[in-house]
C-alpha atoms as a PDB file:
ATOM      1  CA  UNK A   1      56.415 131.594 153.759  1.00  0.00           C
ATOM      2  CA  UNK A   2      54.984 130.041 150.604  1.00  0.00           C
ATOM      3  CA  UNK A   3      51.380 128.916 150.887  1.00  0.00           C
ATOM      4  CA  UNK A   4      50.823 128.178 147.204  1.00  0.00           C
ATOM      5  CA  UNK A   5      49.104 124.788 146.869  1.00  0.00           C
ATOM      6  CA  UNK A   6      51.330 121.859 145.894  1.00  0.00           C
ATOM      7  CA  UNK A   7      49.224 119.628 143.610  1.00  0.00           C
ATOM      8  CA  UNK A   8      49.997 115.959 144.154  1.00  0.00           C
ATOM      9  CA  UNK A   9      48.470 112.677 143.141  1.00  0.00           C
ATOM     10  CA  UNK A  10      47.875 110.153 145.996  1.00  0.00           C
ATOM     11  CA  UNK A  11      50.913 108.281 144.742  1.00  0.00           C
ATOM     12  CA  UNK A  12      53.026 111.421 144.775  1.00  0.00           C
ATOM     13  CA  UNK A  13      51.902 112.276 148.291  1.00  0.00           C
ATOM     14  CA  UNK A  14      52.942 108.857 149.487  1.00  0.00           C
ATOM     15  CA  UNK A  15      56.364 109.183 147.790  1.00  0.00           C
ATOM     16  CA  UNK A  16      57.014 112.547 149.522  1.00  0.00           C
ATOM     17  CA  UNK A  17      55.939 111.184 152.913  1.00  0.00           C
ATOM     18  CA  UNK A  18      58.246 108.142 152.472  1.00  0.00           C
ATOM     19  CA  UNK A  19      61.169 110.314 151.387  1.00  0.00           C
ATOM     20  CA  UNK A  20      60.646 112.638 154.409  1.00  0.00           C
ATOM     21  CA  UNK A  21      60.416 109.715 156.776  1.00  0.00           C
ATOM     22  CA  UNK A  22      63.657 108.215 155.359  1.00  0.00           C
ATOM     23  CA  UNK A  23      65.501 111.483 155.623  1.00  0.00           C
ATOM     24  CA  UNK A  24      64.456 112.048 159.224  1.00  0.00           C
ATOM     25  CA  UNK A  25      64.827 108.493 160.585  1.00  0.00           C
ATOM     26  CA  UNK A  26      67.770 107.154 158.477  1.00  0.00           C
ATOM     27  CA  UNK A  27      69.754 109.968 156.880  1.00  0.00           C
ATOM     28  CA  UNK A  28      69.707 112.518 159.655  1.00  0.00           C
ATOM     29  CA  UNK A  29      71.191 110.106 162.295  1.00  0.00           C
ATOM     30  CA  UNK A  30      73.732 108.857 159.718  1.00  0.00           C
ATOM     31  CA  UNK A  31      74.930 112.377 159.037  1.00  0.00           C
ATOM     32  CA  UNK A  32      75.025 113.261 162.709  1.00  0.00           C
ATOM     33  CA  UNK A  33      77.159 110.209 163.384  1.00  0.00           C
ATOM     34  CA  UNK A  34      79.433 111.196 160.463  1.00  0.00           C
ATOM     35  CA  UNK A  35      79.874 114.692 161.961  1.00  0.00           C
ATOM     36  CA  UNK A  36      80.551 113.217 165.395  1.00  0.00           C
ATOM     37  CA  UNK A  37      83.273 110.920 163.990  1.00  0.00           C
ATOM     38  CA  UNK A  38      84.815 113.784 162.048  1.00  0.00           C
ATOM     39  CA  UNK A  39      84.971 115.871 165.212  1.00  0.00           C
ATOM     40  CA  UNK A  40      86.979 113.143 166.894  1.00  0.00           C
ATOM     41  CA  UNK A  41      89.733 113.594 164.352  1.00  0.00           C
ATOM     42  CA  UNK A  42      90.864 116.797 166.007  1.00  0.00           C
ATOM     43  CA  UNK A  43      91.350 120.305 164.505  1.00  0.00           C
ATOM     44  CA  UNK A  44      88.131 121.245 162.754  1.00  0.00           C
ATOM     45  CA  UNK A  45      89.670 124.143 160.794  1.00  0.00           C
ATOM     46  CA  UNK A  46      91.570 121.742 158.496  1.00  0.00           C
ATOM     47  CA  UNK A  47      89.250 118.754 158.617  1.00  0.00           C
ATOM     48  CA  UNK A  48      87.846 118.098 155.137  1.00  0.00           C
ATOM     49  CA  UNK A  49      85.717 115.227 156.334  1.00  0.00           C
ATOM     50  CA  UNK A  50      84.057 117.472 158.944  1.00  0.00           C
ATOM     51  CA  UNK A  51      83.380 120.207 156.365  1.00  0.00           C
ATOM     52  CA  UNK A  52      81.964 117.677 153.907  1.00  0.00           C
ATOM     53  CA  UNK A  53      79.688 116.185 156.545  1.00  0.00           C
ATOM     54  CA  UNK A  54      78.443 119.636 157.606  1.00  0.00           C
ATOM     55  CA  UNK A  55      77.717 120.439 153.956  1.00  0.00           C
ATOM     56  CA  UNK A  56      75.796 117.184 153.610  1.00  0.00           C
ATOM     57  CA  UNK A  57      73.852 118.076 156.763  1.00  0.00           C
ATOM     58  CA  UNK A  58      72.989 121.484 155.361  1.00  0.00           C
ATOM     59  CA  UNK A  59      71.663 119.976 152.136  1.00  0.00           C
ATOM     60  CA  UNK A  60      69.718 117.311 154.064  1.00  0.00           C
ATOM     61  CA  UNK A  61      68.076 119.819 156.353  1.00  0.00           C
ATOM     62  CA  UNK A  62      67.150 121.995 153.359  1.00  0.00           C
ATOM     63  CA  UNK A  63      65.503 118.995 151.685  1.00  0.00           C
ATOM     64  CA  UNK A  64      63.589 118.126 154.851  1.00  0.00           C
ATOM     65  CA  UNK A  65      62.315 121.735 155.156  1.00  0.00           C
ATOM     66  CA  UNK A  66      61.262 121.675 151.506  1.00  0.00           C
ATOM     67  CA  UNK A  67      59.378 118.416 151.853  1.00  0.00           C
ATOM     68  CA  UNK A  68      57.641 119.549 155.076  1.00  0.00           C
ATOM     69  CA  UNK A  69      56.451 122.738 153.333  1.00  0.00           C
ATOM     70  CA  UNK A  70      55.246 120.778 150.313  1.00  0.00           C
ATOM     71  CA  UNK A  71      53.363 118.356 152.509  1.00  0.00           C
ATOM     72  CA  UNK A  72      51.844 121.164 154.563  1.00  0.00           C
ATOM     73  CA  UNK A  73      50.491 122.765 151.387  1.00  0.00           C
ATOM     74  CA  UNK A  74      49.614 119.522 149.593  1.00  0.00           C
ATOM     75  CA  UNK A  75      46.393 119.440 147.584  1.00  0.00           C
ATOM     76  CA  UNK A  76      45.690 115.905 146.593  1.00  0.00           C
ATOM     77  CA  UNK A  77      44.173 115.610 143.172  1.00  0.00           C
ATOM     78  CA  UNK A  78      42.109 112.785 141.814  1.00  0.00           C
ATOM     79  CA  UNK A  79      42.602 111.425 138.328  1.00  0.00           C
ATOM     80  CA  UNK A  80      40.696 113.624 135.922  1.00  0.00           C
ATOM     81  CA  UNK A  81      38.000 111.770 133.972  1.00  0.00           C
ATOM     82  CA  UNK A  82      36.347 114.759 132.348  1.00  0.00           C
ATOM     83  CA  UNK A  83      36.210 115.919 128.795  1.00  0.00           C
ATOM     84  CA  UNK A  84      38.641 118.712 129.588  1.00  0.00           C
ATOM     85  CA  UNK A  85      42.345 118.511 130.473  1.00  0.00           C
ATOM     86  CA  UNK A  86      43.104 119.044 134.131  1.00  0.00           C
ATOM     87  CA  UNK A  87      45.716 117.983 136.665  1.00  0.00           C
ATOM     88  CA  UNK A  88      45.774 114.199 136.691  1.00  0.00           C
ATOM     89  CA  UNK A  89      44.758 113.901 133.002  1.00  0.00           C
ATOM     90  CA  UNK A  90      46.622 111.583 130.744  1.00  0.00           C
ATOM     91  CA  UNK A  91      46.833 113.226 127.282  1.00  0.00           C
ATOM     92  CA  UNK A  92      48.038 112.259 123.824  1.00  0.00           C
ATOM     93  CA  UNK A  93      49.224 115.204 121.731  1.00  0.00           C
ATOM     94  CA  UNK A  94      50.402 115.328 118.152  1.00  0.00           C
ATOM     95  CA  UNK A  95      52.983 117.729 116.724  1.00  0.00           C
ATOM     96  CA  UNK A  96      55.681 117.831 114.084  1.00  0.00           C
ATOM     97  CA  UNK A  97      57.650 115.131 115.865  1.00  0.00           C
ATOM     98  CA  UNK A  98      54.675 112.730 116.056  1.00  0.00           C
ATOM     99  CA  UNK A  99      52.477 111.770 118.987  1.00  0.00           C
ATOM    100  CA  UNK A 100      53.529 112.064 122.634  1.00  0.00           C
ATOM    101  CA  UNK A 101      51.748 110.891 125.744  1.00  0.00           C
ATOM    102  CA  UNK A 102      51.864 112.854 129.032  1.00  0.00           C
ATOM    103  CA  UNK A 103      50.219 112.883 132.384  1.00  0.00           C
ATOM    104  CA  UNK A 104      49.621 116.346 133.776  1.00  0.00           C
ATOM    105  CA  UNK A 105      50.833 116.623 137.389  1.00  0.00           C
ATOM    106  CA  UNK A 106      51.742 119.298 139.877  1.00  0.00           C
ATOM    107  CA  UNK A 107      55.243 120.728 139.712  1.00  0.00           C
ATOM    108  CA  UNK A 108      56.450 118.656 142.709  1.00  0.00           C
ATOM    109  CA  UNK A 109      55.824 115.405 140.740  1.00  0.00           C
ATOM    110  CA  UNK A 110      57.034 116.500 137.329  1.00  0.00           C
ATOM    111  CA  UNK A 111      59.359 114.056 135.632  1.00  0.00           C
ATOM    112  CA  UNK A 112      59.338 114.822 131.892  1.00  0.00           C
ATOM    113  CA  UNK A 113      61.498 111.744 131.043  1.00  0.00           C
ATOM    114  CA  UNK A 114      58.789 109.623 132.620  1.00  0.00           C
ATOM    115  CA  UNK A 115      55.996 111.389 130.718  1.00  0.00           C
ATOM    116  CA  UNK A 116      54.841 113.445 133.720  1.00  0.00           C
ATOM    117  CA  UNK A 117      54.739 117.198 132.957  1.00  0.00           C
ATOM    118  CA  UNK A 118      53.829 120.027 135.266  1.00  0.00           C
ATOM    119  CA  UNK A 119      50.642 121.938 134.904  1.00  0.00           C
ATOM    120  CA  UNK A 120      52.926 124.986 135.103  1.00  0.00           C
ATOM    121  CA  UNK A 121      55.221 123.916 132.222  1.00  0.00           C
ATOM    122  CA  UNK A 122      54.666 125.582 128.788  1.00  0.00           C
ATOM    123  CA  UNK A 123      52.922 122.487 127.339  1.00  0.00           C
ATOM    124  CA  UNK A 124      51.072 121.620 130.531  1.00  0.00           C
ATOM    125  CA  UNK A 125      49.685 125.099 131.041  1.00  0.00           C
ATOM    126  CA  UNK A 126      48.646 125.339 127.360  1.00  0.00           C
ATOM    127  CA  UNK A 127      46.792 122.049 127.690  1.00  0.00           C
ATOM    128  CA  UNK A 128      44.785 122.982 130.806  1.00  0.00           C
ATOM    129  CA  UNK A 129      41.043 123.183 130.047  1.00  0.00           C
ATOM    130  CA  UNK A 130      41.301 122.023 126.420  1.00  0.00           C
ATOM    131  CA  UNK A 131      39.068 119.404 124.835  1.00  0.00           C
ATOM    132  CA  UNK A 132      39.937 116.592 122.451  1.00  0.00           C
ATOM    133  CA  UNK A 133      40.676 117.924 118.918  1.00  0.00           C
ATOM    134  CA  UNK A 134      41.836 121.358 120.158  1.00  0.00           C
ATOM    135  CA  UNK A 135      44.865 122.910 118.461  1.00  0.00           C
ATOM    136  CA  UNK A 136      47.267 124.922 120.578  1.00  0.00           C
ATOM    137  CA  UNK A 137      50.625 126.684 120.243  1.00  0.00           C
ATOM    138  CA  UNK A 138      53.505 126.664 122.736  1.00  0.00           C
ATOM    139  CA  UNK A 139      56.142 129.393 122.654  1.00  0.00           C
ATOM    140  CA  UNK A 140      59.469 127.582 122.732  1.00  0.00           C
ATOM    141  CA  UNK A 141      62.935 129.234 122.668  1.00  0.00           C
ATOM    142  CA  UNK A 142      63.325 128.090 119.008  1.00  0.00           C
ATOM    143  CA  UNK A 143      59.921 129.578 118.137  1.00  0.00           C
ATOM    144  CA  UNK A 144      56.230 128.584 118.290  1.00  0.00           C
ATOM    145  CA  UNK A 145      55.349 124.895 118.148  1.00  0.00           C
ATOM    146  CA  UNK A 146      51.870 123.767 117.176  1.00  0.00           C
ATOM    147  CA  UNK A 147      50.144 120.727 118.644  1.00  0.00           C
ATOM    148  CA  UNK A 148      46.826 119.008 118.498  1.00  0.00           C
ATOM    149  CA  UNK A 149      45.207 117.378 121.536  1.00  0.00           C
ATOM    150  CA  UNK A 150      44.461 113.877 120.088  1.00  0.00           C
ATOM    151  CA  UNK A 151      42.775 112.432 123.160  1.00  0.00           C
ATOM    152  CA  UNK A 152      42.376 112.559 126.873  1.00  0.00           C
ATOM    153  CA  UNK A 153      42.931 109.027 128.193  1.00  0.00           C
END
């Protein structure tokens, strides 16, 4: 069993709790009813609806188990206001492609398209502990990329 801390913001913790509650109180009964209806159609060996419903149930139960584990190991982080980058810090970095803004979050909340990168990602892990003005290099598949930490917001 994994006991590695799952770093979450208070907002991220609320989102996971809400998702878990919805899966248990809404989705689980819906899928159970779908399986029950499919069973009424007769022979289960050639019942595509039954197989599809069972597959959905399997995915649903897996997601519920994942969320329960994440919540059990949750470590809520406060927004970092220090002079060093930490989980919760909002940073502006500059590289060859210009400036980019990210918020450093735990892996459970990472959403790169929304500017939320994991502290375990290559850029996130390279930023951890740095101060404004620091230069750092990230090893990318295409080769090393150099950045400068412009500011910690």
